[in-house]
Amino acid sequence: MTLVPARTLVALLALTFGAITIMSWISPSEAYPGAVRRACKSDYKRLCPHYGVGSAKMRSCMRSKVGQISPRCYDKLVDYGYGRRGRRR
């Protein structure tokens, strides 16, 4: 099991919350760029499949499991401004 440094987790959650606030004004299908959806598809199916794609509950679920998100998904989220560079492991 990989632990996330508290400072990194707090920064990621703060940035994610800001992004989610902005994304709440966008329809779920437009909320994330296609590259993010593709990179995180398997993480979504593995971690939070019972929530609708782009829903607030799905985003909350994914945030609560940030330590379990694959490096590919995490890196793509960072590339698009949904988190901070640096390993969370």
PDB file of N, CA and C in Angstrom:
ATOM      1  N   MET A   1       0.843  -1.179   0.000  1.00  0.00           N
ATOM      2  CA  MET A   1       0.000   0.000   0.000  1.00  0.00           C
ATOM      3  C   MET A   1       0.886   1.239   0.000  1.00  0.00           C
ATOM      4  N   THR A   2       0.538   2.205  -0.782  1.00  0.00           N
ATOM      5  CA  THR A   2       1.307   3.428  -0.917  1.00  0.00           C
ATOM      6  C   THR A   2       0.638   4.542  -0.127  1.00  0.00           C
ATOM      7  N   LEU A   3       1.433   5.253   0.654  1.00  0.00           N
ATOM      8  CA  LEU A   3       0.895   6.373   1.421  1.00  0.00           C
ATOM      9  C   LEU A   3       1.197   7.686   0.715  1.00  0.00           C
ATOM     10  N   VAL A   4       0.282   8.599   0.797  1.00  0.00           N
ATOM     11  CA  VAL A   4       0.414   9.908   0.179  1.00  0.00           C
ATOM     12  C   VAL A   4       0.851  10.895   1.257  1.00  0.00           C
ATOM     13  N   PRO A   5       1.905  11.689   1.018  1.00  0.00           N
ATOM     14  CA  PRO A   5       2.274  12.704   2.008  1.00  0.00           C
ATOM     15  C   PRO A   5       1.090  13.645   2.238  1.00  0.00           C
ATOM     16  N   ALA A   6       0.864  13.994   3.481  1.00  0.00           N
ATOM     17  CA  ALA A   6      -0.303  14.808   3.851  1.00  0.00           C
ATOM     18  C   ALA A   6      -0.339  16.118   3.069  1.00  0.00           C
ATOM     19  N   ARG A   7       0.785  16.790   2.917  1.00  0.00           N
ATOM     20  CA  ARG A   7       0.822  18.068   2.197  1.00  0.00           C
ATOM     21  C   ARG A   7       0.405  17.905   0.743  1.00  0.00           C
ATOM     22  N   THR A   8       0.868  16.844   0.109  1.00  0.00           N
ATOM     23  CA  THR A   8       0.510  16.579  -1.280  1.00  0.00           C
ATOM     24  C   THR A   8      -0.979  16.286  -1.394  1.00  0.00           C
ATOM     25  N   LEU A   9      -1.493  15.492  -0.479  1.00  0.00           N
ATOM     26  CA  LEU A   9      -2.910  15.150  -0.507  1.00  0.00           C
ATOM     27  C   LEU A   9      -3.781  16.385  -0.298  1.00  0.00           C
ATOM     28  N   VAL A  10      -3.417  17.236   0.653  1.00  0.00           N
ATOM     29  CA  VAL A  10      -4.192  18.459   0.908  1.00  0.00           C
ATOM     30  C   VAL A  10      -4.167  19.363  -0.314  1.00  0.00           C
ATOM     31  N   ALA A  11      -3.007  19.531  -0.934  1.00  0.00           N
ATOM     32  CA  ALA A  11      -2.904  20.376  -2.131  1.00  0.00           C
ATOM     33  C   ALA A  11      -3.720  19.791  -3.278  1.00  0.00           C
ATOM     34  N   LEU A  12      -3.642  18.487  -3.463  1.00  0.00           N
ATOM     35  CA  LEU A  12      -4.411  17.845  -4.532  1.00  0.00           C
ATOM     36  C   LEU A  12      -5.910  18.012  -4.297  1.00  0.00           C
ATOM     37  N   LEU A  13      -6.337  17.812  -3.071  1.00  0.00           N
ATOM     38  CA  LEU A  13      -7.752  17.958  -2.767  1.00  0.00           C
ATOM     39  C   LEU A  13      -8.218  19.397  -2.947  1.00  0.00           C
ATOM     40  N   ALA A  14      -7.394  20.365  -2.551  1.00  0.00           N
ATOM     41  CA  ALA A  14      -7.770  21.773  -2.732  1.00  0.00           C
ATOM     42  C   ALA A  14      -7.896  22.120  -4.214  1.00  0.00           C
ATOM     43  N   LEU A  15      -6.941  21.687  -5.004  1.00  0.00           N
ATOM     44  CA  LEU A  15      -7.006  21.949  -6.440  1.00  0.00           C
ATOM     45  C   LEU A  15      -8.180  21.213  -7.076  1.00  0.00           C
ATOM     46  N   THR A  16      -8.412  19.999  -6.635  1.00  0.00           N
ATOM     47  CA  THR A  16      -9.533  19.232  -7.172  1.00  0.00           C
ATOM     48  C   THR A  16     -10.857  19.904  -6.823  1.00  0.00           C
ATOM     49  N   PHE A  17     -10.989  20.382  -5.581  1.00  0.00           N
ATOM     50  CA  PHE A  17     -12.217  21.054  -5.174  1.00  0.00           C
ATOM     51  C   PHE A  17     -12.466  22.286  -6.050  1.00  0.00           C
ATOM     52  N   GLY A  18     -11.415  23.074  -6.305  1.00  0.00           N
ATOM     53  CA  GLY A  18     -11.560  24.248  -7.172  1.00  0.00           C
ATOM     54  C   GLY A  18     -11.969  23.860  -8.579  1.00  0.00           C
ATOM     55  N   ALA A  19     -11.347  22.822  -9.093  1.00  0.00           N
ATOM     56  CA  ALA A  19     -11.692  22.357 -10.442  1.00  0.00           C
ATOM     57  C   ALA A  19     -13.123  21.831 -10.481  1.00  0.00           C
ATOM     58  N   ILE A  20     -13.520  21.141  -9.442  1.00  0.00           N
ATOM     59  CA  ILE A  20     -14.879  20.598  -9.402  1.00  0.00           C
ATOM     60  C   ILE A  20     -15.904  21.719  -9.321  1.00  0.00           C
ATOM     61  N   THR A  21     -15.590  22.761  -8.586  1.00  0.00           N
ATOM     62  CA  THR A  21     -16.504  23.900  -8.497  1.00  0.00           C
ATOM     63  C   THR A  21     -16.733  24.486  -9.884  1.00  0.00           C
ATOM     64  N   ILE A  22     -15.667  24.671 -10.626  1.00  0.00           N
ATOM     65  CA  ILE A  22     -15.781  25.203 -11.982  1.00  0.00           C
ATOM     66  C   ILE A  22     -16.494  24.195 -12.877  1.00  0.00           C
ATOM     67  N   MET A  23     -16.144  22.924 -12.739  1.00  0.00           N
ATOM     68  CA  MET A  23     -16.738  21.901 -13.592  1.00  0.00           C
ATOM     69  C   MET A  23     -18.219  21.684 -13.301  1.00  0.00           C
ATOM     70  N   SER A  24     -18.681  22.092 -12.123  1.00  0.00           N
ATOM     71  CA  SER A  24     -20.104  21.916 -11.822  1.00  0.00           C
ATOM     72  C   SER A  24     -20.969  22.771 -12.740  1.00  0.00           C
ATOM     73  N   TRP A  25     -20.367  23.770 -13.372  1.00  0.00           N
ATOM     74  CA  TRP A  25     -21.098  24.623 -14.310  1.00  0.00           C
ATOM     75  C   TRP A  25     -21.110  24.029 -15.713  1.00  0.00           C
ATOM     76  N   ILE A  26     -20.351  22.955 -15.911  1.00  0.00           N
ATOM     77  CA  ILE A  26     -20.213  22.321 -17.218  1.00  0.00           C
ATOM     78  C   ILE A  26     -20.974  20.995 -17.181  1.00  0.00           C
ATOM     79  N   SER A  27     -21.565  20.616 -18.291  1.00  0.00           N
ATOM     80  CA  SER A  27     -22.272  19.337 -18.314  1.00  0.00           C
ATOM     81  C   SER A  27     -21.278  18.197 -18.092  1.00  0.00           C
ATOM     82  N   PRO A  28     -21.732  17.075 -17.506  1.00  0.00           N
ATOM     83  CA  PRO A  28     -20.824  15.967 -17.204  1.00  0.00           C
ATOM     84  C   PRO A  28     -20.020  15.481 -18.406  1.00  0.00           C
ATOM     85  N   SER A  29     -20.616  15.471 -19.573  1.00  0.00           N
ATOM     86  CA  SER A  29     -19.881  14.974 -20.741  1.00  0.00           C
ATOM     87  C   SER A  29     -18.762  15.917 -21.162  1.00  0.00           C
ATOM     88  N   GLU A  30     -18.822  17.177 -20.747  1.00  0.00           N
ATOM     89  CA  GLU A  30     -17.783  18.151 -21.091  1.00  0.00           C
ATOM     90  C   GLU A  30     -16.820  18.392 -19.936  1.00  0.00           C
ATOM     91  N   ALA A  31     -17.081  17.826 -18.767  1.00  0.00           N
ATOM     92  CA  ALA A  31     -16.347  18.158 -17.557  1.00  0.00           C
ATOM     93  C   ALA A  31     -14.851  17.850 -17.655  1.00  0.00           C
ATOM     94  N   TYR A  32     -14.492  16.733 -18.229  1.00  0.00           N
ATOM     95  CA  TYR A  32     -13.092  16.351 -18.327  1.00  0.00           C
ATOM     96  C   TYR A  32     -12.710  16.212 -19.798  1.00  0.00           C
ATOM     97  N   PRO A  33     -11.501  16.622 -20.151  1.00  0.00           N
ATOM     98  CA  PRO A  33     -11.032  16.425 -21.533  1.00  0.00           C
ATOM     99  C   PRO A  33     -11.011  14.931 -21.868  1.00  0.00           C
ATOM    100  N   GLY A  34     -11.129  14.624 -23.133  1.00  0.00           N
ATOM    101  CA  GLY A  34     -11.119  13.237 -23.586  1.00  0.00           C
ATOM    102  C   GLY A  34      -9.896  12.466 -23.125  1.00  0.00           C
ATOM    103  N   ALA A  35      -8.744  13.126 -23.090  1.00  0.00           N
ATOM    104  CA  ALA A  35      -7.513  12.455 -22.666  1.00  0.00           C
ATOM    105  C   ALA A  35      -7.607  12.001 -21.209  1.00  0.00           C
ATOM    106  N   VAL A  36      -8.235  12.817 -20.372  1.00  0.00           N
ATOM    107  CA  VAL A  36      -8.412  12.458 -18.959  1.00  0.00           C
ATOM    108  C   VAL A  36      -9.404  11.304 -18.850  1.00  0.00           C
ATOM    109  N   ARG A  37     -10.498  11.385 -19.579  1.00  0.00           N
ATOM    110  CA  ARG A  37     -11.490  10.304 -19.535  1.00  0.00           C
ATOM    111  C   ARG A  37     -10.866   8.979 -19.975  1.00  0.00           C
ATOM    112  N   ARG A  38     -10.064   9.015 -21.035  1.00  0.00           N
ATOM    113  CA  ARG A  38      -9.429   7.785 -21.519  1.00  0.00           C
ATOM    114  C   ARG A  38      -8.424   7.248 -20.501  1.00  0.00           C
ATOM    115  N   ALA A  39      -7.606   8.126 -19.931  1.00  0.00           N
ATOM    116  CA  ALA A  39      -6.567   7.697 -18.984  1.00  0.00           C
ATOM    117  C   ALA A  39      -7.153   7.166 -17.683  1.00  0.00           C
ATOM    118  N   CYS A  40      -8.322   7.658 -17.309  1.00  0.00           N
ATOM    119  CA  CYS A  40      -8.909   7.307 -16.012  1.00  0.00           C
ATOM    120  C   CYS A  40     -10.072   6.326 -16.106  1.00  0.00           C
ATOM    121  N   LYS A  41     -10.387   5.884 -17.305  1.00  0.00           N
ATOM    122  CA  LYS A  41     -11.544   5.005 -17.492  1.00  0.00           C
ATOM    123  C   LYS A  41     -11.457   3.744 -16.638  1.00  0.00           C
ATOM    124  N   SER A  42     -10.316   3.074 -16.654  1.00  0.00           N
ATOM    125  CA  SER A  42     -10.197   1.829 -15.887  1.00  0.00           C
ATOM    126  C   SER A  42     -10.222   2.115 -14.382  1.00  0.00           C
ATOM    127  N   ASP A  43      -9.668   3.255 -13.966  1.00  0.00           N
ATOM    128  CA  ASP A  43      -9.712   3.618 -12.539  1.00  0.00           C
ATOM    129  C   ASP A  43     -11.156   3.839 -12.104  1.00  0.00           C
ATOM    130  N   TYR A  44     -11.907   4.545 -12.924  1.00  0.00           N
ATOM    131  CA  TYR A  44     -13.314   4.780 -12.630  1.00  0.00           C
ATOM    132  C   TYR A  44     -14.061   3.451 -12.511  1.00  0.00           C
ATOM    133  N   LYS A  45     -13.853   2.560 -13.481  1.00  0.00           N
ATOM    134  CA  LYS A  45     -14.555   1.272 -13.468  1.00  0.00           C
ATOM    135  C   LYS A  45     -14.147   0.411 -12.271  1.00  0.00           C
ATOM    136  N   ARG A  46     -12.897   0.548 -11.844  1.00  0.00           N
ATOM    137  CA  ARG A  46     -12.389  -0.254 -10.729  1.00  0.00           C
ATOM    138  C   ARG A  46     -12.784   0.341  -9.376  1.00  0.00           C
ATOM    139  N   LEU A  47     -12.756   1.666  -9.267  1.00  0.00           N
ATOM    140  CA  LEU A  47     -12.932   2.312  -7.966  1.00  0.00           C
ATOM    141  C   LEU A  47     -14.336   2.839  -7.687  1.00  0.00           C
ATOM    142  N   CYS A  48     -15.016   3.361  -8.699  1.00  0.00           N
ATOM    143  CA  CYS A  48     -16.289   4.063  -8.466  1.00  0.00           C
ATOM    144  C   CYS A  48     -17.342   3.788  -9.535  1.00  0.00           C
ATOM    145  N   PRO A  49     -17.522   2.543  -9.957  1.00  0.00           N
ATOM    146  CA  PRO A  49     -18.427   2.272 -11.076  1.00  0.00           C
ATOM    147  C   PRO A  49     -19.896   2.514 -10.777  1.00  0.00           C
ATOM    148  N   HIS A  50     -20.263   2.571  -9.516  1.00  0.00           N
ATOM    149  CA  HIS A  50     -21.665   2.709  -9.150  1.00  0.00           C
ATOM    150  C   HIS A  50     -22.159   4.154  -9.192  1.00  0.00           C
ATOM    151  N   TYR A  51     -21.305   5.089  -9.591  1.00  0.00           N
ATOM    152  CA  TYR A  51     -21.708   6.495  -9.707  1.00  0.00           C
ATOM    153  C   TYR A  51     -21.674   6.912 -11.172  1.00  0.00           C
ATOM    154  N   GLY A  52     -22.571   7.791 -11.557  1.00  0.00           N
ATOM    155  CA  GLY A  52     -22.620   8.271 -12.933  1.00  0.00           C
ATOM    156  C   GLY A  52     -21.360   9.048 -13.306  1.00  0.00           C
ATOM    157  N   VAL A  53     -20.899   8.854 -14.528  1.00  0.00           N
ATOM    158  CA  VAL A  53     -19.708   9.551 -15.013  1.00  0.00           C
ATOM    159  C   VAL A  53     -19.938  11.056 -14.942  1.00  0.00           C
ATOM    160  N   GLY A  54     -19.005  11.761 -14.327  1.00  0.00           N
ATOM    161  CA  GLY A  54     -19.078  13.214 -14.221  1.00  0.00           C
ATOM    162  C   GLY A  54     -19.934  13.711 -13.077  1.00  0.00           C
ATOM    163  N   SER A  55     -20.568  12.807 -12.341  1.00  0.00           N
ATOM    164  CA  SER A  55     -21.432  13.244 -11.236  1.00  0.00           C
ATOM    165  C   SER A  55     -20.591  13.695 -10.042  1.00  0.00           C
ATOM    166  N   ALA A  56     -21.197  14.482  -9.190  1.00  0.00           N
ATOM    167  CA  ALA A  56     -20.513  14.958  -7.979  1.00  0.00           C
ATOM    168  C   ALA A  56     -20.118  13.771  -7.095  1.00  0.00           C
ATOM    169  N   LYS A  57     -20.966  12.764  -7.026  1.00  0.00           N
ATOM    170  CA  LYS A  57     -20.653  11.585  -6.212  1.00  0.00           C
ATOM    171  C   LYS A  57     -19.475  10.809  -6.780  1.00  0.00           C
ATOM    172  N   MET A  58     -19.391  10.730  -8.114  1.00  0.00           N
ATOM    173  CA  MET A  58     -18.256  10.051  -8.735  1.00  0.00           C
ATOM    174  C   MET A  58     -16.963  10.806  -8.427  1.00  0.00           C
ATOM    175  N   ARG A  59     -16.974  12.127  -8.548  1.00  0.00           N
ATOM    176  CA  ARG A  59     -15.772  12.915  -8.260  1.00  0.00           C
ATOM    177  C   ARG A  59     -15.379  12.770  -6.797  1.00  0.00           C
ATOM    178  N   SER A  60     -16.355  12.781  -5.911  1.00  0.00           N
ATOM    179  CA  SER A  60     -16.081  12.609  -4.494  1.00  0.00           C
ATOM    180  C   SER A  60     -15.478  11.236  -4.219  1.00  0.00           C
ATOM    181  N   CYS A  61     -16.023  10.227  -4.857  1.00  0.00           N
ATOM    182  CA  CYS A  61     -15.503   8.871  -4.714  1.00  0.00           C
ATOM    183  C   CYS A  61     -14.049   8.800  -5.186  1.00  0.00           C
ATOM    184  N   MET A  62     -13.767   9.352  -6.352  1.00  0.00           N
ATOM    185  CA  MET A  62     -12.404   9.317  -6.888  1.00  0.00           C
ATOM    186  C   MET A  62     -11.438  10.083  -5.979  1.00  0.00           C
ATOM    187  N   ARG A  63     -11.871  11.234  -5.462  1.00  0.00           N
ATOM    188  CA  ARG A  63     -11.024  11.999  -4.537  1.00  0.00           C
ATOM    189  C   ARG A  63     -10.714  11.181  -3.286  1.00  0.00           C
ATOM    190  N   SER A  64     -11.715  10.452  -2.787  1.00  0.00           N
ATOM    191  CA  SER A  64     -11.512   9.682  -1.564  1.00  0.00           C
ATOM    192  C   SER A  64     -10.552   8.509  -1.784  1.00  0.00           C
ATOM    193  N   LYS A  65     -10.303   8.154  -3.034  1.00  0.00           N
ATOM    194  CA  LYS A  65      -9.433   7.023  -3.357  1.00  0.00           C
ATOM    195  C   LYS A  65      -8.190   7.463  -4.118  1.00  0.00           C
ATOM    196  N   VAL A  66      -7.773   8.703  -3.884  1.00  0.00           N
ATOM    197  CA  VAL A  66      -6.655   9.274  -4.636  1.00  0.00           C
ATOM    198  C   VAL A  66      -5.396   8.408  -4.539  1.00  0.00           C
ATOM    199  N   GLY A  67      -5.167   7.753  -3.415  1.00  0.00           N
ATOM    200  CA  GLY A  67      -3.996   6.896  -3.257  1.00  0.00           C
ATOM    201  C   GLY A  67      -4.055   5.625  -4.085  1.00  0.00           C
ATOM    202  N   GLN A  68      -5.230   5.293  -4.614  1.00  0.00           N
ATOM    203  CA  GLN A  68      -5.406   4.078  -5.407  1.00  0.00           C
ATOM    204  C   GLN A  68      -5.472   4.361  -6.907  1.00  0.00           C
ATOM    205  N   ILE A  69      -5.456   5.630  -7.275  1.00  0.00           N
ATOM    206  CA  ILE A  69      -5.536   5.995  -8.690  1.00  0.00           C
ATOM    207  C   ILE A  69      -4.235   5.611  -9.386  1.00  0.00           C
ATOM    208  N   SER A  70      -4.345   5.063 -10.580  1.00  0.00           N
ATOM    209  CA  SER A  70      -3.163   4.628 -11.326  1.00  0.00           C
ATOM    210  C   SER A  70      -2.276   5.828 -11.669  1.00  0.00           C
ATOM    211  N   PRO A  71      -0.972   5.582 -11.810  1.00  0.00           N
ATOM    212  CA  PRO A  71      -0.070   6.670 -12.206  1.00  0.00           C
ATOM    213  C   PRO A  71      -0.485   7.317 -13.529  1.00  0.00           C
ATOM    214  N   ARG A  72      -0.971   6.525 -14.484  1.00  0.00           N
ATOM    215  CA  ARG A  72      -1.390   7.070 -15.787  1.00  0.00           C
ATOM    216  C   ARG A  72      -2.518   8.081 -15.606  1.00  0.00           C
ATOM    217  N   CYS A  73      -3.523   7.723 -14.834  1.00  0.00           N
ATOM    218  CA  CYS A  73      -4.658   8.620 -14.591  1.00  0.00           C
ATOM    219  C   CYS A  73      -4.199   9.844 -13.803  1.00  0.00           C
ATOM    220  N   TYR A  74      -3.444   9.615 -12.727  1.00  0.00           N
ATOM    221  CA  TYR A  74      -2.977  10.714 -11.887  1.00  0.00           C
ATOM    222  C   TYR A  74      -2.172  11.725 -12.707  1.00  0.00           C
ATOM    223  N   ASP A  75      -1.241  11.223 -13.522  1.00  0.00           N
ATOM    224  CA  ASP A  75      -0.409  12.106 -14.342  1.00  0.00           C
ATOM    225  C   ASP A  75      -1.254  12.910 -15.333  1.00  0.00           C
ATOM    226  N   LYS A  76      -2.270  12.287 -15.915  1.00  0.00           N
ATOM    227  CA  LYS A  76      -3.122  12.998 -16.876  1.00  0.00           C
ATOM    228  C   LYS A  76      -3.948  14.061 -16.153  1.00  0.00           C
ATOM    229  N   LEU A  77      -4.433  13.763 -14.946  1.00  0.00           N
ATOM    230  CA  LEU A  77      -5.151  14.766 -14.157  1.00  0.00           C
ATOM    231  C   LEU A  77      -4.248  15.968 -13.871  1.00  0.00           C
ATOM    232  N   VAL A  78      -2.998  15.694 -13.538  1.00  0.00           N
ATOM    233  CA  VAL A  78      -2.034  16.773 -13.284  1.00  0.00           C
ATOM    234  C   VAL A  78      -1.783  17.561 -14.563  1.00  0.00           C
ATOM    235  N   ASP A  79      -1.614  16.861 -15.686  1.00  0.00           N
ATOM    236  CA  ASP A  79      -1.372  17.530 -16.972  1.00  0.00           C
ATOM    237  C   ASP A  79      -2.469  18.539 -17.303  1.00  0.00           C
ATOM    238  N   TYR A  80      -3.693  18.233 -16.907  1.00  0.00           N
ATOM    239  CA  TYR A  80      -4.818  19.111 -17.213  1.00  0.00           C
ATOM    240  C   TYR A  80      -5.207  20.023 -16.056  1.00  0.00           C
ATOM    241  N   GLY A  81      -4.333  20.117 -15.052  1.00  0.00           N
ATOM    242  CA  GLY A  81      -4.539  21.085 -13.977  1.00  0.00           C
ATOM    243  C   GLY A  81      -5.440  20.639 -12.844  1.00  0.00           C
ATOM    244  N   TYR A  82      -5.705  19.340 -12.726  1.00  0.00           N
ATOM    245  CA  TYR A  82      -6.556  18.857 -11.647  1.00  0.00           C
ATOM    246  C   TYR A  82      -5.767  18.374 -10.440  1.00  0.00           C
ATOM    247  N   GLY A  83      -4.485  18.591 -10.420  1.00  0.00           N
ATOM    248  CA  GLY A  83      -3.639  18.163  -9.308  1.00  0.00           C
ATOM    249  C   GLY A  83      -2.253  18.752  -9.447  1.00  0.00           C
ATOM    250  N   ARG A  84      -1.346  18.364  -8.548  1.00  0.00           N
ATOM    251  CA  ARG A  84       0.022  18.880  -8.555  1.00  0.00           C
ATOM    252  C   ARG A  84       1.003  17.821  -9.017  1.00  0.00           C
ATOM    253  N   ARG A  85       2.038  18.269  -9.689  1.00  0.00           N
ATOM    254  CA  ARG A  85       3.095  17.379 -10.135  1.00  0.00           C
ATOM    255  C   ARG A  85       3.794  16.795  -8.914  1.00  0.00           C
ATOM    256  N   GLY A  86       4.246  15.599  -9.024  1.00  0.00           N
ATOM    257  CA  GLY A  86       4.932  14.921  -7.920  1.00  0.00           C
ATOM    258  C   GLY A  86       4.182  13.651  -7.577  1.00  0.00           C
ATOM    259  N   ARG A  87       4.895  12.694  -7.177  1.00  0.00           N
ATOM    260  CA  ARG A  87       4.281  11.402  -6.890  1.00  0.00           C
ATOM    261  C   ARG A  87       3.544  11.441  -5.566  1.00  0.00           C
ATOM    262  N   ARG A  88       2.399  10.810  -5.555  1.00  0.00           N
ATOM    263  CA  ARG A  88       1.607  10.723  -4.352  1.00  0.00           C
ATOM    264  C   ARG A  88       1.892   9.428  -3.603  1.00  0.00           C
ATOM    265  N   ARG A  89       2.848   8.666  -4.111  1.00  0.00           N
ATOM    266  CA  ARG A  89       3.158   7.357  -3.505  1.00  0.00           C
ATOM    267  C   ARG A  89       4.147   7.497  -2.393  1.00  0.00           C
TER     268      ARG A  89
END
